Amino acid sequence: MGRGEYLGEFEQIVLLAVARLGAEAYGMEIRREIEQRTERAVTIGAVYATLDRLEEKGYLRAREGDSGGRARRFFTVADAGVDALQAARSLQTKMWSGLRLSRSSRQA
């Protein structure tokens, strides 16, 4: 990943929700998955803005479909999205490696 291409926390959460949902990944289901797993409220606007941004970056693919008679945009994680998630996980693992946190002092 080049400079400026790192995933933000919410971008990671959205990508992971899409990956978990598979073929059923559309806006409201993604929102429900995030809220259920993170136990925090998420606006549908934030979800759609992030989905659009991730699609523009090439991390998601969208297709038109319908569910119960309603037109919906369904999302899947593109290969670049898998790579981005793996890079983010690797970076976090490196940063956490050997670190011991203490509430009373910082570790060097």
PDB file of N, CA and C in Angstrom:
ATOM      1  N   MET A   1       0.832  -1.181   0.000  1.00  0.00           N
ATOM      2  CA  MET A   1       0.000   0.000   0.000  1.00  0.00           C
ATOM      3  C   MET A   1       0.876   1.242   0.000  1.00  0.00           C
ATOM      4  N   GLY A   2       0.526   2.159  -0.840  1.00  0.00           N
ATOM      5  CA  GLY A   2       1.271   3.399  -0.884  1.00  0.00           C
ATOM      6  C   GLY A   2       0.828   4.366   0.196  1.00  0.00           C
ATOM      7  N   ARG A   3       1.556   5.440   0.296  1.00  0.00           N
ATOM      8  CA  ARG A   3       1.226   6.470   1.282  1.00  0.00           C
ATOM      9  C   ARG A   3      -0.174   7.018   1.023  1.00  0.00           C
ATOM     10  N   GLY A   4      -0.944   7.185   2.086  1.00  0.00           N
ATOM     11  CA  GLY A   4      -2.281   7.726   1.957  1.00  0.00           C
ATOM     12  C   GLY A   4      -3.339   6.706   1.573  1.00  0.00           C
ATOM     13  N   GLU A   5      -2.955   5.438   1.444  1.00  0.00           N
ATOM     14  CA  GLU A   5      -3.892   4.407   1.048  1.00  0.00           C
ATOM     15  C   GLU A   5      -4.338   3.530   2.207  1.00  0.00           C
ATOM     16  N   TYR A   6      -3.959   3.881   3.406  1.00  0.00           N
ATOM     17  CA  TYR A   6      -4.350   3.067   4.553  1.00  0.00           C
ATOM     18  C   TYR A   6      -5.837   3.209   4.812  1.00  0.00           C
ATOM     19  N   LEU A   7      -6.425   2.125   5.299  1.00  0.00           N
ATOM     20  CA  LEU A   7      -7.841   2.128   5.619  1.00  0.00           C
ATOM     21  C   LEU A   7      -8.075   2.774   6.966  1.00  0.00           C
ATOM     22  N   GLY A   8      -9.100   3.600   7.037  1.00  0.00           N
ATOM     23  CA  GLY A   8      -9.536   4.127   8.318  1.00  0.00           C
ATOM     24  C   GLY A   8     -10.294   3.046   9.070  1.00  0.00           C
ATOM     25  N   GLU A   9     -10.531   3.292  10.346  1.00  0.00           N
ATOM     26  CA  GLU A   9     -11.229   2.301  11.177  1.00  0.00           C
ATOM     27  C   GLU A   9     -12.604   1.955  10.609  1.00  0.00           C
ATOM     28  N   PHE A  10     -13.392   2.958  10.254  1.00  0.00           N
ATOM     29  CA  PHE A  10     -14.736   2.680   9.765  1.00  0.00           C
ATOM     30  C   PHE A  10     -14.695   2.000   8.404  1.00  0.00           C
ATOM     31  N   GLU A  11     -13.728   2.365   7.568  1.00  0.00           N
ATOM     32  CA  GLU A  11     -13.577   1.685   6.279  1.00  0.00           C
ATOM     33  C   GLU A  11     -13.305   0.193   6.494  1.00  0.00           C
ATOM     34  N   GLN A  12     -12.447  -0.118   7.454  1.00  0.00           N
ATOM     35  CA  GLN A  12     -12.172  -1.522   7.762  1.00  0.00           C
ATOM     36  C   GLN A  12     -13.429  -2.231   8.235  1.00  0.00           C
ATOM     37  N   ILE A  13     -14.171  -1.581   9.111  1.00  0.00           N
ATOM     38  CA  ILE A  13     -15.393  -2.174   9.652  1.00  0.00           C
ATOM     39  C   ILE A  13     -16.392  -2.445   8.525  1.00  0.00           C
ATOM     40  N   VAL A  14     -16.555  -1.500   7.615  1.00  0.00           N
ATOM     41  CA  VAL A  14     -17.491  -1.684   6.502  1.00  0.00           C
ATOM     42  C   VAL A  14     -17.030  -2.822   5.597  1.00  0.00           C
ATOM     43  N   LEU A  15     -15.752  -2.847   5.250  1.00  0.00           N
ATOM     44  CA  LEU A  15     -15.237  -3.929   4.411  1.00  0.00           C
ATOM     45  C   LEU A  15     -15.434  -5.289   5.077  1.00  0.00           C
ATOM     46  N   LEU A  16     -15.167  -5.363   6.362  1.00  0.00           N
ATOM     47  CA  LEU A  16     -15.344  -6.625   7.080  1.00  0.00           C
ATOM     48  C   LEU A  16     -16.805  -7.038   7.132  1.00  0.00           C
ATOM     49  N   ALA A  17     -17.706  -6.080   7.298  1.00  0.00           N
ATOM     50  CA  ALA A  17     -19.139  -6.393   7.297  1.00  0.00           C
ATOM     51  C   ALA A  17     -19.562  -6.931   5.935  1.00  0.00           C
ATOM     52  N   VAL A  18     -19.091  -6.319   4.867  1.00  0.00           N
ATOM     53  CA  VAL A  18     -19.409  -6.793   3.519  1.00  0.00           C
ATOM     54  C   VAL A  18     -18.887  -8.219   3.338  1.00  0.00           C
ATOM     55  N   ALA A  19     -17.668  -8.470   3.778  1.00  0.00           N
ATOM     56  CA  ALA A  19     -17.091  -9.813   3.661  1.00  0.00           C
ATOM     57  C   ALA A  19     -17.915 -10.834   4.440  1.00  0.00           C
ATOM     58  N   ARG A  20     -18.356 -10.473   5.628  1.00  0.00           N
ATOM     59  CA  ARG A  20     -19.157 -11.389   6.453  1.00  0.00           C
ATOM     60  C   ARG A  20     -20.510 -11.692   5.824  1.00  0.00           C
ATOM     61  N   LEU A  21     -21.136 -10.691   5.216  1.00  0.00           N
ATOM     62  CA  LEU A  21     -22.474 -10.856   4.662  1.00  0.00           C
ATOM     63  C   LEU A  21     -22.494 -11.573   3.320  1.00  0.00           C
ATOM     64  N   GLY A  22     -21.384 -11.549   2.609  1.00  0.00           N
ATOM     65  CA  GLY A  22     -21.326 -12.228   1.323  1.00  0.00           C
ATOM     66  C   GLY A  22     -22.316 -11.652   0.332  1.00  0.00           C
ATOM     67  N   ALA A  23     -23.097 -12.533  -0.318  1.00  0.00           N
ATOM     68  CA  ALA A  23     -24.011 -12.124  -1.387  1.00  0.00           C
ATOM     69  C   ALA A  23     -25.148 -11.239  -0.895  1.00  0.00           C
ATOM     70  N   GLU A  24     -25.383 -11.177   0.403  1.00  0.00           N
ATOM     71  CA  GLU A  24     -26.492 -10.381   0.956  1.00  0.00           C
ATOM     72  C   GLU A  24     -26.059  -9.002   1.440  1.00  0.00           C
ATOM     73  N   ALA A  25     -24.905  -8.541   1.025  1.00  0.00           N
ATOM     74  CA  ALA A  25     -24.362  -7.273   1.511  1.00  0.00           C
ATOM     75  C   ALA A  25     -24.954  -6.082   0.761  1.00  0.00           C
ATOM     76  N   TYR A  26     -25.944  -5.448   1.364  1.00  0.00           N
ATOM     77  CA  TYR A  26     -26.482  -4.187   0.848  1.00  0.00           C
ATOM     78  C   TYR A  26     -26.600  -3.239   2.036  1.00  0.00           C
ATOM     79  N   GLY A  27     -26.823  -1.974   1.765  1.00  0.00           N
ATOM     80  CA  GLY A  27     -26.743  -0.902   2.755  1.00  0.00           C
ATOM     81  C   GLY A  27     -27.304  -1.198   4.130  1.00  0.00           C
ATOM     82  N   MET A  28     -28.594  -1.496   4.219  1.00  0.00           N
ATOM     83  CA  MET A  28     -29.217  -1.685   5.537  1.00  0.00           C
ATOM     84  C   MET A  28     -28.699  -2.931   6.248  1.00  0.00           C
ATOM     85  N   GLU A  29     -28.414  -3.989   5.506  1.00  0.00           N
ATOM     86  CA  GLU A  29     -27.867  -5.194   6.135  1.00  0.00           C
ATOM     87  C   GLU A  29     -26.449  -4.945   6.639  1.00  0.00           C
ATOM     88  N   ILE A  30     -25.678  -4.170   5.896  1.00  0.00           N
ATOM     89  CA  ILE A  30     -24.328  -3.809   6.323  1.00  0.00           C
ATOM     90  C   ILE A  30     -24.415  -3.002   7.613  1.00  0.00           C
ATOM     91  N   ARG A  31     -25.335  -2.052   7.643  1.00  0.00           N
ATOM     92  CA  ARG A  31     -25.533  -1.234   8.852  1.00  0.00           C
ATOM     93  C   ARG A  31     -25.899  -2.118  10.045  1.00  0.00           C
ATOM     94  N   ARG A  32     -26.837  -3.037   9.851  1.00  0.00           N
ATOM     95  CA  ARG A  32     -27.247  -3.933  10.945  1.00  0.00           C
ATOM     96  C   ARG A  32     -26.079  -4.786  11.444  1.00  0.00           C
ATOM     97  N   GLU A  33     -25.302  -5.296  10.512  1.00  0.00           N
ATOM     98  CA  GLU A  33     -24.143  -6.124  10.877  1.00  0.00           C
ATOM     99  C   GLU A  33     -23.149  -5.322  11.715  1.00  0.00           C
ATOM    100  N   ILE A  34     -22.880  -4.107  11.296  1.00  0.00           N
ATOM    101  CA  ILE A  34     -21.943  -3.248  12.029  1.00  0.00           C
ATOM    102  C   ILE A  34     -22.481  -2.942  13.421  1.00  0.00           C
ATOM    103  N   GLU A  35     -23.745  -2.539  13.498  1.00  0.00           N
ATOM    104  CA  GLU A  35     -24.328  -2.192  14.799  1.00  0.00           C
ATOM    105  C   GLU A  35     -24.348  -3.396  15.736  1.00  0.00           C
ATOM    106  N   GLN A  36     -24.666  -4.553  15.202  1.00  0.00           N
ATOM    107  CA  GLN A  36     -24.722  -5.752  16.034  1.00  0.00           C
ATOM    108  C   GLN A  36     -23.340  -6.130  16.561  1.00  0.00           C
ATOM    109  N   ARG A  37     -22.340  -6.074  15.713  1.00  0.00           N
ATOM    110  CA  ARG A  37     -21.003  -6.523  16.111  1.00  0.00           C
ATOM    111  C   ARG A  37     -20.229  -5.480  16.912  1.00  0.00           C
ATOM    112  N   THR A  38     -20.445  -4.201  16.606  1.00  0.00           N
ATOM    113  CA  THR A  38     -19.678  -3.159  17.304  1.00  0.00           C
ATOM    114  C   THR A  38     -20.421  -2.598  18.507  1.00  0.00           C
ATOM    115  N   GLU A  39     -21.723  -2.875  18.570  1.00  0.00           N
ATOM    116  CA  GLU A  39     -22.572  -2.352  19.636  1.00  0.00           C
ATOM    117  C   GLU A  39     -22.536  -0.829  19.704  1.00  0.00           C
ATOM    118  N   ARG A  40     -22.516  -0.216  18.507  1.00  0.00           N
ATOM    119  CA  ARG A  40     -22.598   1.237  18.437  1.00  0.00           C
ATOM    120  C   ARG A  40     -23.520   1.622  17.294  1.00  0.00           C
ATOM    121  N   ALA A  41     -24.190   2.758  17.463  1.00  0.00           N
ATOM    122  CA  ALA A  41     -25.121   3.238  16.444  1.00  0.00           C
ATOM    123  C   ALA A  41     -24.352   3.781  15.251  1.00  0.00           C
ATOM    124  N   VAL A  42     -24.865   3.493  14.068  1.00  0.00           N
ATOM    125  CA  VAL A  42     -24.240   3.927  12.826  1.00  0.00           C
ATOM    126  C   VAL A  42     -25.338   4.489  11.930  1.00  0.00           C
ATOM    127  N   THR A  43     -25.099   5.634  11.338  1.00  0.00           N
ATOM    128  CA  THR A  43     -26.097   6.192  10.434  1.00  0.00           C
ATOM    129  C   THR A  43     -25.973   5.531   9.062  1.00  0.00           C
ATOM    130  N   ILE A  44     -27.110   5.398   8.401  1.00  0.00           N
ATOM    131  CA  ILE A  44     -27.090   4.806   7.066  1.00  0.00           C
ATOM    132  C   ILE A  44     -26.319   5.706   6.102  1.00  0.00           C
ATOM    133  N   GLY A  45     -26.351   7.016   6.340  1.00  0.00           N
ATOM    134  CA  GLY A  45     -25.591   7.943   5.503  1.00  0.00           C
ATOM    135  C   GLY A  45     -24.091   7.691   5.580  1.00  0.00           C
ATOM    136  N   ALA A  46     -23.598   7.418   6.785  1.00  0.00           N
ATOM    137  CA  ALA A  46     -22.165   7.122   6.957  1.00  0.00           C
ATOM    138  C   ALA A  46     -21.806   5.825   6.244  1.00  0.00           C
ATOM    139  N   VAL A  47     -22.706   4.855   6.309  1.00  0.00           N
ATOM    140  CA  VAL A  47     -22.455   3.575   5.632  1.00  0.00           C
ATOM    141  C   VAL A  47     -22.380   3.788   4.124  1.00  0.00           C
ATOM    142  N   TYR A  48     -23.375   4.482   3.558  1.00  0.00           N
ATOM    143  CA  TYR A  48     -23.383   4.685   2.108  1.00  0.00           C
ATOM    144  C   TYR A  48     -22.211   5.541   1.636  1.00  0.00           C
ATOM    145  N   ALA A  49     -21.856   6.555   2.388  1.00  0.00           N
ATOM    146  CA  ALA A  49     -20.707   7.394   2.007  1.00  0.00           C
ATOM    147  C   ALA A  49     -19.432   6.552   1.982  1.00  0.00           C
ATOM    148  N   THR A  50     -19.292   5.672   2.955  1.00  0.00           N
ATOM    149  CA  THR A  50     -18.104   4.813   3.020  1.00  0.00           C
ATOM    150  C   THR A  50     -18.127   3.763   1.916  1.00  0.00           C
ATOM    151  N   LEU A  51     -19.292   3.185   1.646  1.00  0.00           N
ATOM    152  CA  LEU A  51     -19.406   2.224   0.543  1.00  0.00           C
ATOM    153  C   LEU A  51     -19.013   2.879  -0.777  1.00  0.00           C
ATOM    154  N   ASP A  52     -19.498   4.085  -1.024  1.00  0.00           N
ATOM    155  CA  ASP A  52     -19.154   4.803  -2.261  1.00  0.00           C
ATOM    156  C   ASP A  52     -17.655   5.059  -2.343  1.00  0.00           C
ATOM    157  N   ARG A  53     -17.057   5.500  -1.237  1.00  0.00           N
ATOM    158  CA  ARG A  53     -15.623   5.786  -1.210  1.00  0.00           C
ATOM    159  C   ARG A  53     -14.810   4.513  -1.460  1.00  0.00           C
ATOM    160  N   LEU A  54     -15.214   3.412  -0.838  1.00  0.00           N
ATOM    161  CA  LEU A  54     -14.494   2.140  -1.018  1.00  0.00           C
ATOM    162  C   LEU A  54     -14.655   1.612  -2.436  1.00  0.00           C
ATOM    163  N   GLU A  55     -15.808   1.843  -3.044  1.00  0.00           N
ATOM    164  CA  GLU A  55     -16.007   1.440  -4.430  1.00  0.00           C
ATOM    165  C   GLU A  55     -15.120   2.275  -5.356  1.00  0.00           C
ATOM    166  N   GLU A  56     -15.037   3.582  -5.099  1.00  0.00           N
ATOM    167  CA  GLU A  56     -14.176   4.460  -5.900  1.00  0.00           C
ATOM    168  C   GLU A  56     -12.709   4.052  -5.799  1.00  0.00           C
ATOM    169  N   LYS A  57     -12.289   3.595  -4.622  1.00  0.00           N
ATOM    170  CA  LYS A  57     -10.907   3.149  -4.419  1.00  0.00           C
ATOM    171  C   LYS A  57     -10.637   1.789  -5.050  1.00  0.00           C
ATOM    172  N   GLY A  58     -11.703   1.113  -5.483  1.00  0.00           N
ATOM    173  CA  GLY A  58     -11.541  -0.204  -6.086  1.00  0.00           C
ATOM    174  C   GLY A  58     -11.536  -1.342  -5.075  1.00  0.00           C
ATOM    175  N   TYR A  59     -11.933  -1.060  -3.831  1.00  0.00           N
ATOM    176  CA  TYR A  59     -11.927  -2.079  -2.779  1.00  0.00           C
ATOM    177  C   TYR A  59     -13.224  -2.872  -2.728  1.00  0.00           C
ATOM    178  N   LEU A  60     -14.282  -2.313  -3.316  1.00  0.00           N
ATOM    179  CA  LEU A  60     -15.582  -2.985  -3.380  1.00  0.00           C
ATOM    180  C   LEU A  60     -16.070  -2.983  -4.817  1.00  0.00           C
ATOM    181  N   ARG A  61     -16.893  -3.985  -5.139  1.00  0.00           N
ATOM    182  CA  ARG A  61     -17.626  -4.007  -6.398  1.00  0.00           C
ATOM    183  C   ARG A  61     -19.109  -3.964  -6.047  1.00  0.00           C
ATOM    184  N   ALA A  62     -19.880  -3.249  -6.848  1.00  0.00           N
ATOM    185  CA  ALA A  62     -21.325  -3.145  -6.624  1.00  0.00           C
ATOM    186  C   ALA A  62     -22.052  -3.718  -7.824  1.00  0.00           C
ATOM    187  N   ARG A  63     -23.213  -4.301  -7.557  1.00  0.00           N
ATOM    188  CA  ARG A  63     -24.087  -4.765  -8.625  1.00  0.00           C
ATOM    189  C   ARG A  63     -25.518  -4.420  -8.246  1.00  0.00           C
ATOM    190  N   GLU A  64     -26.318  -4.180  -9.250  1.00  0.00           N
ATOM    191  CA  GLU A  64     -27.736  -3.898  -9.027  1.00  0.00           C
ATOM    192  C   GLU A  64     -28.473  -5.220  -8.922  1.00  0.00           C
ATOM    193  N   GLY A  65     -29.424  -5.262  -8.036  1.00  0.00           N
ATOM    194  CA  GLY A  65     -30.239  -6.458  -7.865  1.00  0.00           C
ATOM    195  C   GLY A  65     -31.509  -6.088  -7.148  1.00  0.00           C
ATOM    196  N   ASP A  66     -32.303  -7.099  -6.804  1.00  0.00           N
ATOM    197  CA  ASP A  66     -33.487  -6.796  -6.011  1.00  0.00           C
ATOM    198  C   ASP A  66     -33.616  -7.824  -4.908  1.00  0.00           C
ATOM    199  N   SER A  67     -34.260  -7.397  -3.870  1.00  0.00           N
ATOM    200  CA  SER A  67     -34.491  -8.236  -2.701  1.00  0.00           C
ATOM    201  C   SER A  67     -35.904  -7.962  -2.236  1.00  0.00           C
ATOM    202  N   GLY A  68     -36.774  -8.941  -2.360  1.00  0.00           N
ATOM    203  CA  GLY A  68     -38.157  -8.739  -1.954  1.00  0.00           C
ATOM    204  C   GLY A  68     -38.873  -7.694  -2.780  1.00  0.00           C
ATOM    205  N   GLY A  69     -38.514  -7.578  -4.063  1.00  0.00           N
ATOM    206  CA  GLY A  69     -39.178  -6.625  -4.937  1.00  0.00           C
ATOM    207  C   GLY A  69     -38.601  -5.226  -4.908  1.00  0.00           C
ATOM    208  N   ARG A  70     -37.591  -4.984  -4.086  1.00  0.00           N
ATOM    209  CA  ARG A  70     -36.963  -3.655  -4.003  1.00  0.00           C
ATOM    210  C   ARG A  70     -35.615  -3.682  -4.700  1.00  0.00           C
ATOM    211  N   ALA A  71     -35.350  -2.656  -5.498  1.00  0.00           N
ATOM    212  CA  ALA A  71     -34.047  -2.538  -6.144  1.00  0.00           C
ATOM    213  C   ALA A  71     -33.008  -2.186  -5.082  1.00  0.00           C
ATOM    214  N   ARG A  72     -31.891  -2.878  -5.133  1.00  0.00           N
ATOM    215  CA  ARG A  72     -30.819  -2.639  -4.160  1.00  0.00           C
ATOM    216  C   ARG A  72     -29.468  -2.731  -4.866  1.00  0.00           C
ATOM    217  N   ARG A  73     -28.475  -2.102  -4.238  1.00  0.00           N
ATOM    218  CA  ARG A  73     -27.090  -2.255  -4.682  1.00  0.00           C
ATOM    219  C   ARG A  73     -26.420  -3.236  -3.728  1.00  0.00           C
ATOM    220  N   PHE A  74     -25.935  -4.328  -4.263  1.00  0.00           N
ATOM    221  CA  PHE A  74     -25.240  -5.341  -3.473  1.00  0.00           C
ATOM    222  C   PHE A  74     -23.736  -5.181  -3.679  1.00  0.00           C
ATOM    223  N   PHE A  75     -22.982  -5.403  -2.608  1.00  0.00           N
ATOM    224  CA  PHE A  75     -21.540  -5.182  -2.631  1.00  0.00           C
ATOM    225  C   PHE A  75     -20.781  -6.471  -2.357  1.00  0.00           C
ATOM    226  N   THR A  76     -19.620  -6.587  -2.985  1.00  0.00           N
ATOM    227  CA  THR A  76     -18.673  -7.657  -2.685  1.00  0.00           C
ATOM    228  C   THR A  76     -17.295  -7.031  -2.545  1.00  0.00           C
ATOM    229  N   VAL A  77     -16.453  -7.679  -1.771  1.00  0.00           N
ATOM    230  CA  VAL A  77     -15.084  -7.190  -1.580  1.00  0.00           C
ATOM    231  C   VAL A  77     -14.252  -7.600  -2.789  1.00  0.00           C
ATOM    232  N   ALA A  78     -13.626  -6.622  -3.413  1.00  0.00           N
ATOM    233  CA  ALA A  78     -12.745  -6.870  -4.559  1.00  0.00           C
ATOM    234  C   ALA A  78     -11.386  -7.355  -4.052  1.00  0.00           C
ATOM    235  N   ASP A  79     -10.590  -7.899  -4.949  1.00  0.00           N
ATOM    236  CA  ASP A  79      -9.251  -8.366  -4.571  1.00  0.00           C
ATOM    237  C   ASP A  79      -8.444  -7.262  -3.898  1.00  0.00           C
ATOM    238  N   ALA A  80      -8.555  -6.037  -4.407  1.00  0.00           N
ATOM    239  CA  ALA A  80      -7.831  -4.911  -3.798  1.00  0.00           C
ATOM    240  C   ALA A  80      -8.307  -4.661  -2.371  1.00  0.00           C
ATOM    241  N   GLY A  81      -9.587  -4.899  -2.107  1.00  0.00           N
ATOM    242  CA  GLY A  81     -10.128  -4.751  -0.758  1.00  0.00           C
ATOM    243  C   GLY A  81      -9.575  -5.814   0.181  1.00  0.00           C
ATOM    244  N   VAL A  82      -9.459  -7.038  -0.311  1.00  0.00           N
ATOM    245  CA  VAL A  82      -8.846  -8.113   0.486  1.00  0.00           C
ATOM    246  C   VAL A  82      -7.406  -7.740   0.812  1.00  0.00           C
ATOM    247  N   ASP A  83      -6.679  -7.264  -0.189  1.00  0.00           N
ATOM    248  CA  ASP A  83      -5.285  -6.848   0.028  1.00  0.00           C
ATOM    249  C   ASP A  83      -5.195  -5.725   1.052  1.00  0.00           C
ATOM    250  N   ALA A  84      -6.104  -4.763   0.960  1.00  0.00           N
ATOM    251  CA  ALA A  84      -6.098  -3.623   1.887  1.00  0.00           C
ATOM    252  C   ALA A  84      -6.385  -4.084   3.311  1.00  0.00           C
ATOM    253  N   LEU A  85      -7.342  -4.999   3.471  1.00  0.00           N
ATOM    254  CA  LEU A  85      -7.644  -5.529   4.814  1.00  0.00           C
ATOM    255  C   LEU A  85      -6.462  -6.311   5.378  1.00  0.00           C
ATOM    256  N   GLN A  86      -5.842  -7.109   4.544  1.00  0.00           N
ATOM    257  CA  GLN A  86      -4.686  -7.874   5.017  1.00  0.00           C
ATOM    258  C   GLN A  86      -3.526  -6.959   5.390  1.00  0.00           C
ATOM    259  N   ALA A  87      -3.314  -5.893   4.619  1.00  0.00           N
ATOM    260  CA  ALA A  87      -2.249  -4.938   4.934  1.00  0.00           C
ATOM    261  C   ALA A  87      -2.553  -4.216   6.249  1.00  0.00           C
ATOM    262  N   ALA A  88      -3.814  -3.841   6.463  1.00  0.00           N
ATOM    263  CA  ALA A  88      -4.204  -3.165   7.703  1.00  0.00           C
ATOM    264  C   ALA A  88      -3.998  -4.093   8.900  1.00  0.00           C
ATOM    265  N   ARG A  89      -4.366  -5.338   8.743  1.00  0.00           N
ATOM    266  CA  ARG A  89      -4.188  -6.312   9.831  1.00  0.00           C
ATOM    267  C   ARG A  89      -2.702  -6.519  10.130  1.00  0.00           C
ATOM    268  N   SER A  90      -1.911  -6.624   9.095  1.00  0.00           N
ATOM    269  CA  SER A  90      -0.465  -6.800   9.262  1.00  0.00           C
ATOM    270  C   SER A  90       0.168  -5.602   9.974  1.00  0.00           C
ATOM    271  N   LEU A  91      -0.234  -4.396   9.571  1.00  0.00           N
ATOM    272  CA  LEU A  91       0.288  -3.186  10.194  1.00  0.00           C
ATOM    273  C   LEU A  91      -0.062  -3.146  11.676  1.00  0.00           C
ATOM    274  N   GLN A  92      -1.312  -3.463  12.008  1.00  0.00           N
ATOM    275  CA  GLN A  92      -1.720  -3.459  13.416  1.00  0.00           C
ATOM    276  C   GLN A  92      -0.969  -4.518  14.211  1.00  0.00           C
ATOM    277  N   THR A  93      -0.777  -5.680  13.630  1.00  0.00           N
ATOM    278  CA  THR A  93      -0.038  -6.748  14.312  1.00  0.00           C
ATOM    279  C   THR A  93       1.391  -6.299  14.607  1.00  0.00           C
ATOM    280  N   LYS A  94       2.019  -5.645  13.655  1.00  0.00           N
ATOM    281  CA  LYS A  94       3.388  -5.143  13.860  1.00  0.00           C
ATOM    282  C   LYS A  94       3.422  -4.086  14.961  1.00  0.00           C
ATOM    283  N   MET A  95       2.445  -3.208  14.965  1.00  0.00           N
ATOM    284  CA  MET A  95       2.421  -2.149  15.973  1.00  0.00           C
ATOM    285  C   MET A  95       2.154  -2.704  17.369  1.00  0.00           C
ATOM    286  N   TRP A  96       1.331  -3.739  17.483  1.00  0.00           N
ATOM    287  CA  TRP A  96       1.006  -4.330  18.785  1.00  0.00           C
ATOM    288  C   TRP A  96       2.094  -5.287  19.277  1.00  0.00           C
ATOM    289  N   SER A  97       2.914  -5.794  18.372  1.00  0.00           N
ATOM    290  CA  SER A  97       3.915  -6.794  18.730  1.00  0.00           C
ATOM    291  C   SER A  97       4.841  -6.306  19.845  1.00  0.00           C
ATOM    292  N   GLY A  98       4.863  -7.050  20.944  1.00  0.00           N
ATOM    293  CA  GLY A  98       5.752  -6.754  22.058  1.00  0.00           C
ATOM    294  C   GLY A  98       5.333  -5.584  22.933  1.00  0.00           C
ATOM    295  N   LEU A  99       4.211  -4.970  22.625  1.00  0.00           N
ATOM    296  CA  LEU A  99       3.772  -3.804  23.387  1.00  0.00           C
ATOM    297  C   LEU A  99       2.993  -4.236  24.622  1.00  0.00           C
ATOM    298  N   ARG A 100       3.340  -3.643  25.742  1.00  0.00           N
ATOM    299  CA  ARG A 100       2.592  -3.853  26.990  1.00  0.00           C
ATOM    300  C   ARG A 100       2.082  -2.500  27.441  1.00  0.00           C
ATOM    301  N   LEU A 101       0.803  -2.383  27.556  1.00  0.00           N
ATOM    302  CA  LEU A 101       0.207  -1.124  27.955  1.00  0.00           C
ATOM    303  C   LEU A 101      -0.026  -1.105  29.453  1.00  0.00           C
ATOM    304  N   SER A 102       0.175   0.055  30.010  1.00  0.00           N
ATOM    305  CA  SER A 102      -0.084   0.261  31.424  1.00  0.00           C
ATOM    306  C   SER A 102      -0.887   1.546  31.544  1.00  0.00           C
ATOM    307  N   ARG A 103      -1.857   1.544  32.414  1.00  0.00           N
ATOM    308  CA  ARG A 103      -2.665   2.761  32.605  1.00  0.00           C
ATOM    309  C   ARG A 103      -1.880   3.890  33.249  1.00  0.00           C
ATOM    310  N   SER A 104      -0.860   3.561  33.990  1.00  0.00           N
ATOM    311  CA  SER A 104      -0.129   4.594  34.715  1.00  0.00           C
ATOM    312  C   SER A 104       1.097   5.133  33.966  1.00  0.00           C
ATOM    313  N   SER A 105       1.547   4.434  32.931  1.00  0.00           N
ATOM    314  CA  SER A 105       2.722   4.925  32.195  1.00  0.00           C
ATOM    315  C   SER A 105       2.721   4.380  30.775  1.00  0.00           C
ATOM    316  N   ARG A 106       3.447   5.098  29.907  1.00  0.00           N
ATOM    317  CA  ARG A 106       3.593   4.651  28.515  1.00  0.00           C
ATOM    318  C   ARG A 106       4.819   3.776  28.409  1.00  0.00           C
ATOM    319  N   GLN A 107       4.747   2.799  27.541  1.00  0.00           N
ATOM    320  CA  GLN A 107       5.877   1.914  27.286  1.00  0.00           C
ATOM    321  C   GLN A 107       6.609   2.385  26.040  1.00  0.00           C
ATOM    322  N   ALA A 108       7.905   2.341  26.070  1.00  0.00           N
ATOM    323  CA  ALA A 108       8.702   2.743  24.910  1.00  0.00           C
ATOM    324  C   ALA A 108       9.030   1.551  24.055  1.00  0.00           C
TER     325      ALA A 108
END
